[in-house]
Protein backbone atom coordinates (compact mmCIF):
# COMPACT_ATOMS: atom_id res chain seq x y z
CA UNK A 1 4.69 34.51 -13.37
CA UNK A 2 5.75 36.82 -10.47
CA UNK A 3 3.14 39.88 -10.08
CA UNK A 4 5.10 43.43 -10.73
CA UNK A 5 6.60 45.12 -7.31
CA UNK A 6 5.37 48.43 -8.25
CA UNK A 7 1.93 49.53 -7.10
CA UNK A 8 0.87 50.67 -10.54
CA UNK A 9 1.99 47.28 -12.14
CA UNK A 10 -0.03 45.47 -9.42
CA UNK A 11 -3.05 47.52 -10.03
CA UNK A 12 -3.03 47.17 -13.86
CA UNK A 13 -2.48 43.44 -13.26
CA UNK A 14 -5.42 42.99 -11.40
CA UNK A 15 -7.69 45.08 -14.09
CA UNK A 16 -6.21 42.95 -16.95
CA UNK A 17 -7.16 39.82 -15.10
CA UNK A 18 -10.83 40.48 -16.47
CA UNK A 19 -11.08 38.24 -19.57
CA UNK A 20 -13.94 38.52 -22.30
CA UNK A 21 -17.00 37.15 -20.49
CA UNK A 22 -16.30 38.14 -17.28
CA UNK A 23 -18.82 40.04 -15.82
CA UNK A 24 -17.45 40.22 -12.19
CA UNK A 25 -14.68 38.44 -10.37
CA UNK A 26 -14.53 37.33 -6.61
CA UNK A 27 -11.39 38.48 -4.71
CA UNK A 28 -10.02 34.59 -4.32
CA UNK A 29 -10.32 34.46 -8.12
CA UNK A 30 -8.30 37.72 -8.86
CA UNK A 31 -5.61 36.79 -6.48
CA UNK A 32 -5.42 33.29 -7.98
CA UNK A 33 -5.19 34.64 -11.46
CA UNK A 34 -2.56 37.50 -10.68
CA UNK A 35 -0.53 36.20 -8.02
CA UNK A 36 -1.03 39.19 -5.98
CA UNK A 37 -1.65 38.41 -2.12
CA UNK A 38 -5.22 38.85 -0.81
CA UNK A 39 -4.55 41.89 1.67
CA UNK A 40 -2.55 43.73 -1.21
CA UNK A 41 -5.09 42.94 -3.85
CA UNK A 42 -8.03 44.05 -1.20
CA UNK A 43 -6.29 47.29 -0.50
CA UNK A 44 -5.56 48.19 -4.17
CA UNK A 45 -9.15 47.18 -5.48
CA UNK A 46 -10.58 49.56 -2.63
CA UNK A 47 -8.50 52.42 -3.72
CA UNK A 48 -9.71 51.72 -7.41
CA UNK A 49 -13.21 51.38 -6.29
CA UNK A 50 -12.70 54.92 -4.82
CA UNK A 51 -12.02 56.30 -8.40
CA UNK A 52 -14.76 54.24 -9.86
CA UNK A 53 -12.31 52.20 -11.87
CA UNK A 54 -13.67 49.01 -10.73
CA UNK A 55 -17.08 48.66 -8.54
CA UNK A 56 -18.02 46.39 -5.88
CA UNK A 57 -20.95 44.18 -5.90
CA UNK A 58 -22.65 41.62 -3.63
CA UNK A 59 -20.55 38.83 -5.35
CA UNK A 60 -17.41 40.53 -6.11
CA UNK A 61 -15.53 43.13 -8.28
CA UNK A 62 -16.62 44.45 -11.91
CA UNK A 63 -15.14 46.99 -13.93
CA UNK A 64 -16.02 50.29 -13.35
CA UNK A 65 -18.04 53.31 -15.38
CA UNK A 66 -14.84 55.57 -15.09
CA UNK A 67 -12.59 53.09 -17.03
CA UNK A 68 -15.17 52.98 -19.52
CA UNK A 69 -15.09 56.86 -20.00
CA UNK A 70 -11.35 56.86 -20.11
CA UNK A 71 -11.63 54.18 -22.88
CA UNK A 72 -13.85 56.71 -25.06
CA UNK A 73 -11.16 59.59 -24.62
CA UNK A 74 -8.57 57.50 -26.66
CA UNK A 75 -7.77 59.85 -29.55
CA UNK A 76 -7.12 57.13 -32.24
CA UNK A 77 -10.49 55.12 -31.45
CA UNK A 78 -12.82 58.50 -31.03
CA UNK A 79 -11.51 60.17 -34.14
CA UNK A 80 -11.78 57.01 -36.31
CA UNK A 81 -15.13 55.75 -34.80
CA UNK A 82 -16.51 59.27 -35.79
CA UNK A 83 -15.31 59.00 -39.20
CA UNK A 84 -16.01 55.73 -39.87
CA UNK A 85 -19.49 55.91 -38.47
CA UNK A 86 -21.46 57.04 -41.94
CA UNK A 87 -19.66 54.36 -43.86
CA UNK A 88 -20.33 51.77 -41.50
CA UNK A 89 -24.08 52.98 -41.36
CA UNK A 90 -24.33 52.78 -45.06
CA UNK A 91 -22.90 49.16 -45.25
CA UNK A 92 -25.11 48.01 -42.58
CA UNK A 93 -28.29 49.25 -43.81
CA UNK A 94 -27.48 47.86 -47.48
CA UNK A 95 -26.77 44.44 -46.29
CA UNK A 96 -28.14 43.70 -42.67
CA UNK A 97 -24.78 42.07 -42.03
CA UNK A 98 -22.41 42.34 -39.39
CA UNK A 99 -20.39 45.34 -40.00
CA UNK A 100 -16.81 45.72 -38.41
CA UNK A 101 -14.00 48.38 -38.11
CA UNK A 102 -10.53 47.24 -36.64
CA UNK A 103 -7.20 48.64 -36.40
CA UNK A 104 -3.92 46.64 -36.12
CA UNK A 105 -2.08 45.73 -32.40
CA UNK A 106 0.68 43.90 -32.72
CA UNK A 107 0.10 40.33 -34.17
CA UNK A 108 -3.63 40.76 -33.74
CA UNK A 109 -6.53 43.06 -34.59
CA UNK A 110 -8.53 45.08 -32.13
CA UNK A 111 -12.36 45.85 -33.09
CA UNK A 112 -13.13 49.26 -32.48
CA UNK A 113 -16.47 49.37 -33.75
CA UNK A 114 -19.21 46.61 -34.71
CA UNK A 115 -22.91 46.61 -35.86
CA UNK A 116 -24.61 43.44 -35.45
CA UNK A 117 -26.53 42.10 -38.34
CA UNK A 118 -29.96 40.90 -37.49
CA UNK A 119 -29.77 37.96 -40.18
CA UNK A 120 -25.98 37.06 -39.32
CA UNK A 121 -24.49 34.39 -37.13
CA UNK A 122 -23.33 34.94 -33.45
CA UNK A 123 -19.80 36.17 -34.36
CA UNK A 124 -17.15 36.26 -31.56
CA UNK A 125 -15.84 39.77 -32.19
CA UNK A 126 -16.74 42.52 -29.37
CA UNK A 127 -15.65 45.91 -29.43
CA UNK A 128 -12.37 45.86 -27.78
CA UNK A 129 -11.88 42.47 -28.36
CA UNK A 130 -9.13 41.05 -30.40
CA UNK A 131 -8.39 38.30 -32.88
CA UNK A 132 -5.45 37.11 -34.52
CA UNK A 133 -4.68 38.97 -37.72
CA UNK A 134 -3.52 35.87 -40.13
CA UNK A 135 -6.92 34.38 -40.21
CA UNK A 136 -9.34 37.05 -40.31
CA UNK A 137 -10.86 39.18 -43.41
CA UNK A 138 -9.62 42.35 -41.45
CA UNK A 139 -6.47 41.10 -40.22
CA UNK A 140 -5.33 39.79 -43.58
CA UNK A 141 -6.74 43.52 -45.13
CA UNK A 142 -4.28 44.88 -42.63
CA UNK A 143 -1.47 42.68 -43.17
CA UNK A 144 -1.49 43.12 -47.08
CA UNK A 145 -0.54 46.81 -46.34
CA UNK A 146 1.57 46.75 -43.48
CA UNK A 147 5.45 47.01 -43.10
CA UNK A 148 7.09 43.68 -43.64
CA UNK A 149 8.37 43.59 -39.86
CA UNK A 150 4.83 43.54 -39.02
CA UNK A 151 4.07 40.24 -40.98
CA UNK A 152 7.33 38.70 -40.06
CA UNK A 153 6.44 38.90 -36.23
CA UNK A 154 2.88 37.28 -36.98
CA UNK A 155 4.87 34.33 -38.37
CA UNK A 156 7.31 34.28 -36.10
CA UNK A 157 4.41 34.14 -33.32
CA UNK A 158 2.96 30.96 -34.95
CA UNK A 159 0.13 30.45 -37.21
CA UNK A 160 -2.21 28.11 -35.40
CA UNK A 161 -4.96 26.22 -37.18
CA UNK A 162 -8.22 27.48 -35.98
CA UNK A 163 -10.13 25.54 -38.42
CA UNK A 164 -9.85 23.33 -41.14
CA UNK A 165 -9.52 26.08 -43.69
CA UNK A 166 -6.99 28.09 -41.37
CA UNK A 167 -3.83 28.88 -43.95
CA UNK A 168 -0.93 28.01 -41.50
CA UNK A 169 1.83 27.86 -44.36
CA UNK A 170 3.88 31.36 -44.40
CA UNK A 171 4.19 30.77 -48.18
CA UNK A 172 0.52 30.19 -48.76
CA UNK A 173 -0.13 33.47 -46.54
CA UNK A 174 2.28 35.61 -48.64
CA UNK A 175 0.44 34.28 -51.83
CA UNK A 176 -3.08 35.43 -50.35
CA UNK A 177 -1.77 38.72 -49.11
CA UNK A 178 -0.44 39.21 -52.68
CA UNK A 179 -3.55 38.91 -54.25
CA UNK A 180 -5.42 41.05 -51.40
CA UNK A 181 -2.61 43.83 -52.56
CA UNK A 182 -3.63 43.49 -56.15
CA UNK A 183 -7.47 43.32 -55.61
CA UNK A 184 -7.80 45.60 -52.60
CA UNK A 185 -10.01 43.30 -50.84
CA UNK A 186 -9.53 40.51 -48.82
CA UNK A 187 -12.01 37.45 -48.50
CA UNK A 188 -12.10 34.95 -45.81
CA UNK A 189 -14.17 31.79 -45.57
CA UNK A 190 -13.94 29.58 -42.64
CA UNK A 191 -10.46 30.50 -41.87
CA UNK A 192 -11.19 31.89 -38.14
CA UNK A 193 -14.52 30.34 -37.39
CA UNK A 194 -16.78 27.33 -39.10
CA UNK A 195 -19.63 28.70 -40.89
CA UNK A 196 -18.47 32.25 -40.96
CA UNK A 197 -17.04 34.43 -44.03
CA UNK A 198 -16.15 37.53 -44.46
CA UNK A 199 -14.96 40.30 -46.98
CA UNK A 200 -12.58 43.20 -45.72
CA UNK A 201 -11.00 46.39 -47.17
CA UNK A 202 -8.16 48.43 -45.71
CA UNK A 203 -8.32 52.03 -44.92
CA UNK A 204 -4.89 53.38 -45.76
CA UNK A 205 -2.91 56.55 -44.68
CA UNK A 206 -1.00 58.87 -47.03
CA UNK A 207 1.89 56.47 -47.22
CA UNK A 208 -0.23 53.47 -48.56
CA UNK A 209 0.04 51.73 -45.23
CA UNK A 210 -3.26 50.30 -43.12
CA UNK A 211 -4.25 52.00 -40.19
CA UNK A 212 -7.84 50.20 -40.18
CA UNK A 213 -10.09 47.87 -41.87
CA UNK A 214 -13.87 47.75 -42.63
CA UNK A 215 -15.47 44.34 -43.25
CA UNK A 216 -19.13 42.73 -43.43
CA UNK A 217 -19.20 39.10 -41.91
CA UNK A 218 -22.02 36.75 -42.27
CA UNK A 219 -22.76 32.87 -42.92
CA UNK A 220 -20.68 31.41 -45.24
CA UNK A 221 -23.26 29.58 -47.08
CA UNK A 222 -25.32 32.68 -47.63
CA UNK A 223 -22.56 35.79 -47.80
CA UNK A 224 -21.81 36.67 -51.32
CA UNK A 225 -18.16 37.86 -50.69
CA UNK A 226 -17.62 38.69 -54.41
CA UNK A 227 -20.74 40.57 -54.63
CA UNK A 228 -20.08 42.85 -51.57
CA UNK A 229 -16.46 43.35 -52.25
CA UNK A 230 -16.80 46.62 -54.21
CA UNK A 231 -19.07 48.23 -51.59
CA UNK A 232 -16.65 47.34 -48.77
CA UNK A 233 -13.69 48.64 -50.97
CA UNK A 234 -15.61 51.93 -51.67
CA UNK A 235 -16.44 52.40 -47.87
CA UNK A 236 -12.77 51.71 -46.98
CA UNK A 237 -11.52 54.28 -49.81
CA UNK A 238 -14.03 56.80 -48.57
CA UNK A 239 -12.76 56.38 -44.80
CA UNK A 240 -9.19 56.50 -46.24
CA UNK A 241 -9.86 60.15 -48.11
CA UNK A 242 -11.57 61.53 -44.76
CA UNK A 243 -8.80 60.90 -42.61
CA UNK A 244 -6.03 62.06 -44.80
CA UNK A 245 -8.41 65.38 -45.43
CA UNK A 246 -8.76 64.81 -49.18
């Protein structure tokens, strides 16, 4: 894929070349991933470093503090996280399991807050990271209360099997989402990751569409999703009321 022609496009291409787990990258690796010529990449990175968007290290380039600070100013994430904080803290203190807050983004979910449980499994999720909506608890809670075109886009993008228990038939996914709408909670057992289960509930706006979802995640052989479902749903309903100002 050819890199963009504009300066801004090339700068953003360099920044988005960083992937989860990348602490820093060499100039050679950045040019390999982006296709941007080395002299151009060097010049753009020098300018980005001047704004503290990236930082130079003895071994390469890493993302800078200014980028983190800008991300914290995103109004949706900031306001949502602040409103959700007491509800997430209550769930965490009551269960000591991993608690998530996620929002929809295209066919995926993006995690905007995470409290890692001491007893729980090493969950792949991270703040700012994304996972497919169709096979995660938060994703299914969001899809069940999403516009039809979002579900259509998810199905069109493909339902890939991630574990032996992943639902990949559109009809079965539809039936699953119908049950979630009826119950108000989503339960996911080893559909995204073997050994991990999750119970999630949607945070709804005034029109009844999901703007976020709250979940509890833990070991599949220990997490009692049915027992925890009322607490998760209560937290999501409480956050929904706060966001609507009611």
